[in-house]
Amino acid sequence: MGAAGLHVCCFASQLANWSRPITTDFAVDVAELTRAIPRMQRMGTKYIRCMSYPNADWTEEAWREEAVRRLRELSRMAEDGGIILAHENCNGWGGESPANTLELLERVDSPAFRLVFDTGNPFVHRQNAYEYLETVIDHVVHVHIKDGYLDGEKNVFTYPGEGSCRVGDCIRLLIEHGYDAGYSIEPHIASIIHLGDASMDKEQVMYESYLTYGRKLMALYDQAAKTAAG
């Protein structure tokens, strides 16, 4: 990869994610991070994405306290390994609101615990993406790009700039704030994109929509950079 000029900026993971509620055996996450750290060191990758555990009918207080306890322990492991947990505003206690995110950062209190901001998750959780980003922007080290809008109670995902998430404004805000790190795209649109060719198989649809998504993001980024530059 190095010879090809490629670099992995952030590992995906299942750490504390939507598939692991707060009742999940914590040893599962410890084992995953233990495996990931040497791989990240070998790849020269600094960040690994995590969440903060969906609830499982616990009280708010019990859920919060256990999520904090677990993420403190995982952050200690990350710090010892020279890597950083990047918490995503998704399913989990810390993703319930910007206030929860800031409290989680304060209570975990580790240089190895920072944020991934996903532009498309807030609308799914009936939040405002731009306002969320304004609140947490000082701690963002990586960005996921999604966009979409609500159709009644249905979540509809779109190309970037075509939904309600103010993706271009979020990028401009990041640039103005000095953010110069990575962006990952999460299209979520292959199942609803119709390319006008019924003979095209699912893999081809995904491939074409991914390329289109990336090109639309590049155009949004260029425009945001021009606006930020005045």
Protein backbone atom coordinates (compact mmCIF):
# COMPACT_ATOMS: atom_id res chain seq x y z
CA MET A 1 0.00 0.00 0.00
CA GLY A 2 2.81 2.38 0.82
CA ALA A 3 4.37 1.82 -2.58
CA ALA A 4 1.04 2.71 -4.16
CA GLY A 5 0.83 5.93 -2.15
CA LEU A 6 -2.10 4.68 -0.08
CA HIS A 7 -2.66 5.16 3.64
CA VAL A 8 -5.37 3.86 5.96
CA CYS A 9 -6.49 6.84 8.02
CA CYS A 10 -8.99 5.07 10.28
CA PHE A 11 -9.94 1.48 11.11
CA ALA A 12 -13.58 0.49 11.22
CA SER A 13 -14.53 -1.71 14.16
CA GLN A 14 -17.43 -3.14 16.12
CA LEU A 15 -16.19 -1.60 19.37
CA ALA A 16 -19.27 -0.57 21.40
CA ASN A 17 -21.19 -0.30 18.14
CA TRP A 18 -24.85 -0.68 17.18
CA SER A 19 -24.59 -4.49 17.24
CA ARG A 20 -23.20 -4.58 20.80
CA PRO A 21 -25.67 -3.32 23.40
CA ILE A 22 -24.53 -2.38 26.87
CA THR A 23 -25.29 -5.94 28.03
CA THR A 24 -22.62 -7.40 25.70
CA ASP A 25 -19.72 -9.09 27.47
CA PHE A 26 -17.05 -6.38 27.71
CA ALA A 27 -14.37 -9.00 27.06
CA VAL A 28 -15.53 -9.06 23.42
CA ASP A 29 -14.49 -5.43 22.94
CA VAL A 30 -11.26 -5.86 24.88
CA ALA A 31 -10.32 -8.80 22.67
CA GLU A 32 -11.13 -6.89 19.47
CA LEU A 33 -9.07 -3.86 20.46
CA THR A 34 -6.21 -6.12 21.57
CA ARG A 35 -6.16 -7.63 18.06
CA ALA A 36 -6.53 -4.28 16.31
CA ILE A 37 -3.74 -2.33 18.01
CA PRO A 38 -0.75 -4.24 16.54
CA ARG A 39 -2.39 -4.21 13.12
CA MET A 40 -2.86 -0.45 13.34
CA GLN A 41 0.73 0.00 14.45
CA ARG A 42 1.91 -2.02 11.46
CA MET A 43 -0.28 0.01 9.08
CA GLY A 44 0.66 3.34 10.63
CA THR A 45 -3.02 4.04 11.31
CA LYS A 46 -3.83 6.41 14.15
CA TYR A 47 -7.61 6.14 14.59
CA ILE A 48 -10.14 3.37 15.18
CA ARG A 49 -13.88 4.06 15.13
CA CYS A 50 -16.04 3.16 18.11
CA MET A 51 -19.50 3.98 19.44
CA SER A 52 -20.88 3.95 22.99
CA TYR A 53 -23.23 0.98 23.34
CA PRO A 54 -26.95 0.99 22.54
CA ASN A 55 -29.14 0.68 25.60
CA ALA A 56 -30.83 -2.58 26.59
CA ASP A 57 -33.65 -1.39 28.85
CA TRP A 58 -31.27 -0.12 31.52
CA THR A 59 -31.94 3.10 33.36
CA GLU A 60 -30.34 6.20 31.84
CA GLU A 61 -27.91 6.47 34.76
CA ALA A 62 -26.84 2.82 34.69
CA TRP A 63 -26.38 2.92 30.91
CA ARG A 64 -24.31 6.11 31.07
CA GLU A 65 -22.08 4.94 33.91
CA GLU A 66 -21.30 1.58 32.33
CA ALA A 67 -20.62 3.13 28.92
CA VAL A 68 -18.21 5.61 30.53
CA ARG A 69 -16.49 2.87 32.52
CA ARG A 70 -15.96 0.68 29.48
CA LEU A 71 -14.75 3.48 27.24
CA ARG A 72 -12.29 4.65 29.90
CA GLU A 73 -10.79 1.17 29.93
CA LEU A 74 -10.66 0.94 26.13
CA SER A 75 -9.09 4.41 26.00
CA ARG A 76 -6.37 3.32 28.43
CA MET A 77 -5.63 0.40 26.14
CA ALA A 78 -5.56 2.73 23.13
CA GLU A 79 -3.25 5.19 24.86
CA ASP A 80 -0.87 2.39 25.82
CA GLY A 81 -0.88 1.23 22.18
CA GLY A 82 -0.28 4.69 20.76
CA ILE A 83 -3.61 4.87 18.93
CA ILE A 84 -6.83 6.86 19.35
CA LEU A 85 -10.45 5.78 19.71
CA ALA A 86 -12.66 7.95 17.51
CA HIS A 87 -16.23 7.94 18.85
CA GLU A 88 -18.97 8.24 16.23
CA ASN A 89 -22.21 10.12 16.79
CA CYS A 90 -24.29 7.02 16.21
CA ASN A 91 -26.08 4.41 18.32
CA GLY A 92 -24.93 4.61 21.91
CA TRP A 93 -25.18 6.85 24.94
CA GLY A 94 -22.68 9.39 23.61
CA GLY A 95 -24.56 9.78 20.34
CA GLU A 96 -27.89 10.66 21.93
CA SER A 97 -27.11 14.38 21.85
CA PRO A 98 -24.21 16.84 21.54
CA ALA A 99 -24.41 17.34 25.31
CA ASN A 100 -23.96 13.60 25.86
CA THR A 101 -20.99 13.61 23.49
CA LEU A 102 -19.27 16.40 25.41
CA GLU A 103 -19.99 14.76 28.76
CA LEU A 104 -18.57 11.48 27.49
CA LEU A 105 -15.39 13.22 26.35
CA GLU A 106 -15.06 14.98 29.70
CA ARG A 107 -15.62 11.87 31.78
CA VAL A 108 -13.49 9.48 29.74
CA ASP A 109 -10.85 12.21 29.95
CA SER A 110 -8.21 10.67 27.71
CA PRO A 111 -6.01 12.02 24.91
CA ALA A 112 -6.76 8.69 23.21
CA PHE A 113 -10.51 9.42 22.96
CA ARG A 114 -11.73 11.79 20.25
CA LEU A 115 -14.59 12.03 17.74
CA VAL A 116 -15.66 10.89 14.31
CA PHE A 117 -18.44 13.16 13.08
CA ASP A 118 -20.99 11.60 10.71
CA THR A 119 -22.99 14.23 8.82
CA GLY A 120 -25.85 11.83 8.08
CA ASN A 121 -26.49 10.30 11.49
CA PRO A 122 -28.14 13.32 13.15
CA PHE A 123 -31.18 13.40 10.87
CA VAL A 124 -31.73 9.68 11.50
CA HIS A 125 -31.85 10.48 15.22
CA ARG A 126 -33.97 13.61 14.62
CA GLN A 127 -31.05 15.94 15.35
CA ASN A 128 -29.59 18.88 13.42
CA ALA A 129 -26.24 17.95 11.84
CA TYR A 130 -24.83 21.45 11.54
CA GLU A 131 -25.74 22.42 15.12
CA TYR A 132 -24.34 19.12 16.41
CA LEU A 133 -21.05 19.75 14.60
CA GLU A 134 -20.84 23.33 15.90
CA THR A 135 -21.01 21.96 19.44
CA VAL A 136 -18.38 19.21 19.15
CA ILE A 137 -16.09 20.48 16.38
CA ASP A 138 -13.07 21.06 18.64
CA HIS A 139 -12.79 17.30 19.17
CA VAL A 140 -13.36 15.98 15.62
CA VAL A 141 -10.48 14.01 14.09
CA HIS A 142 -12.29 12.24 11.24
CA VAL A 143 -15.48 12.80 9.24
CA HIS A 144 -18.02 10.44 7.67
CA ILE A 145 -20.11 11.85 4.84
CA LYS A 146 -23.75 10.80 4.51
CA ASP A 147 -26.79 12.82 3.49
CA GLY A 148 -30.52 12.26 3.47
CA TYR A 149 -33.89 13.56 4.53
CA LEU A 150 -37.07 12.48 6.30
CA ASP A 151 -40.05 11.40 4.21
CA GLY A 152 -42.65 11.31 6.95
CA GLU A 153 -41.01 8.90 9.36
CA LYS A 154 -38.91 7.20 6.68
CA ASN A 155 -35.18 7.89 6.38
CA VAL A 156 -34.23 8.51 2.74
CA PHE A 157 -30.51 8.62 1.88
CA THR A 158 -29.23 10.75 -0.99
CA TYR A 159 -26.08 11.89 -2.72
CA PRO A 160 -24.15 14.51 -0.70
CA GLY A 161 -25.69 17.94 -1.00
CA GLU A 162 -29.11 16.58 -1.98
CA GLY A 163 -30.49 15.96 1.51
CA SER A 164 -31.23 17.99 4.62
CA CYS A 165 -27.91 17.51 6.40
CA ARG A 166 -26.20 20.69 5.14
CA VAL A 167 -23.15 18.67 4.12
CA GLY A 168 -21.57 21.56 2.23
CA ASP A 169 -22.04 23.88 5.20
CA CYS A 170 -20.57 21.26 7.53
CA ILE A 171 -17.49 20.94 5.31
CA ARG A 172 -17.13 24.72 5.14
CA LEU A 173 -17.37 24.95 8.94
CA LEU A 174 -14.70 22.27 9.32
CA ILE A 175 -12.36 24.05 6.89
CA GLU A 176 -12.88 27.39 8.63
CA HIS A 177 -12.08 25.68 11.92
CA GLY A 178 -8.77 24.40 10.53
CA TYR A 179 -9.78 20.77 9.99
CA ASP A 180 -7.49 19.20 7.38
CA ALA A 181 -7.88 15.47 8.05
CA GLY A 182 -9.80 12.74 6.26
CA TYR A 183 -13.32 12.27 4.94
CA SER A 184 -14.88 8.85 4.40
CA ILE A 185 -18.01 8.34 2.32
CA GLU A 186 -20.90 6.11 3.44
CA PRO A 187 -23.37 6.25 0.55
CA HIS A 188 -26.20 4.01 1.86
CA ILE A 189 -27.87 4.56 -1.50
CA ALA A 190 -27.20 1.55 -3.76
CA SER A 191 -30.65 0.08 -3.09
CA ILE A 192 -32.48 3.26 -4.13
CA ILE A 193 -30.36 4.46 -7.05
CA HIS A 194 -31.77 3.67 -10.49
CA LEU A 195 -29.16 4.09 -13.19
CA GLY A 196 -31.53 3.48 -16.08
CA ASP A 197 -30.08 0.08 -17.00
CA ALA A 198 -32.12 -2.85 -15.71
CA SER A 199 -29.40 -5.26 -16.84
CA MET A 200 -26.87 -3.77 -14.43
CA ASP A 201 -26.22 -6.08 -11.49
CA LYS A 202 -26.09 -5.00 -7.86
CA GLU A 203 -22.29 -4.84 -7.72
CA GLN A 204 -22.20 -2.61 -10.79
CA VAL A 205 -24.86 -0.34 -9.29
CA MET A 206 -22.85 -0.07 -6.08
CA TYR A 207 -19.65 0.65 -8.02
CA GLU A 208 -21.18 3.36 -10.19
CA SER A 209 -23.06 5.00 -7.32
CA TYR A 210 -19.91 5.01 -5.18
CA LEU A 211 -17.92 6.80 -7.89
CA THR A 212 -20.72 9.31 -8.42
CA TYR A 213 -20.97 9.87 -4.67
CA GLY A 214 -17.26 10.58 -4.39
CA ARG A 215 -17.30 13.00 -7.32
CA LYS A 216 -20.26 14.90 -5.90
CA LEU A 217 -18.46 15.14 -2.56
CA MET A 218 -15.33 16.49 -4.26
CA ALA A 219 -17.42 19.18 -5.94
CA LEU A 220 -19.04 20.08 -2.61
CA TYR A 221 -15.64 20.23 -0.94
CA ASP A 222 -14.21 22.50 -3.63
CA GLN A 223 -17.16 24.88 -3.30
CA ALA A 224 -16.94 24.85 0.51
CA ALA A 225 -13.21 25.60 0.35
CA LYS A 226 -13.84 28.56 -1.98
CA THR A 227 -16.55 29.91 0.32
CA ALA A 228 -14.34 29.48 3.39
CA ALA A 229 -11.52 31.33 1.64
CA GLY A 230 -13.84 34.27 0.97
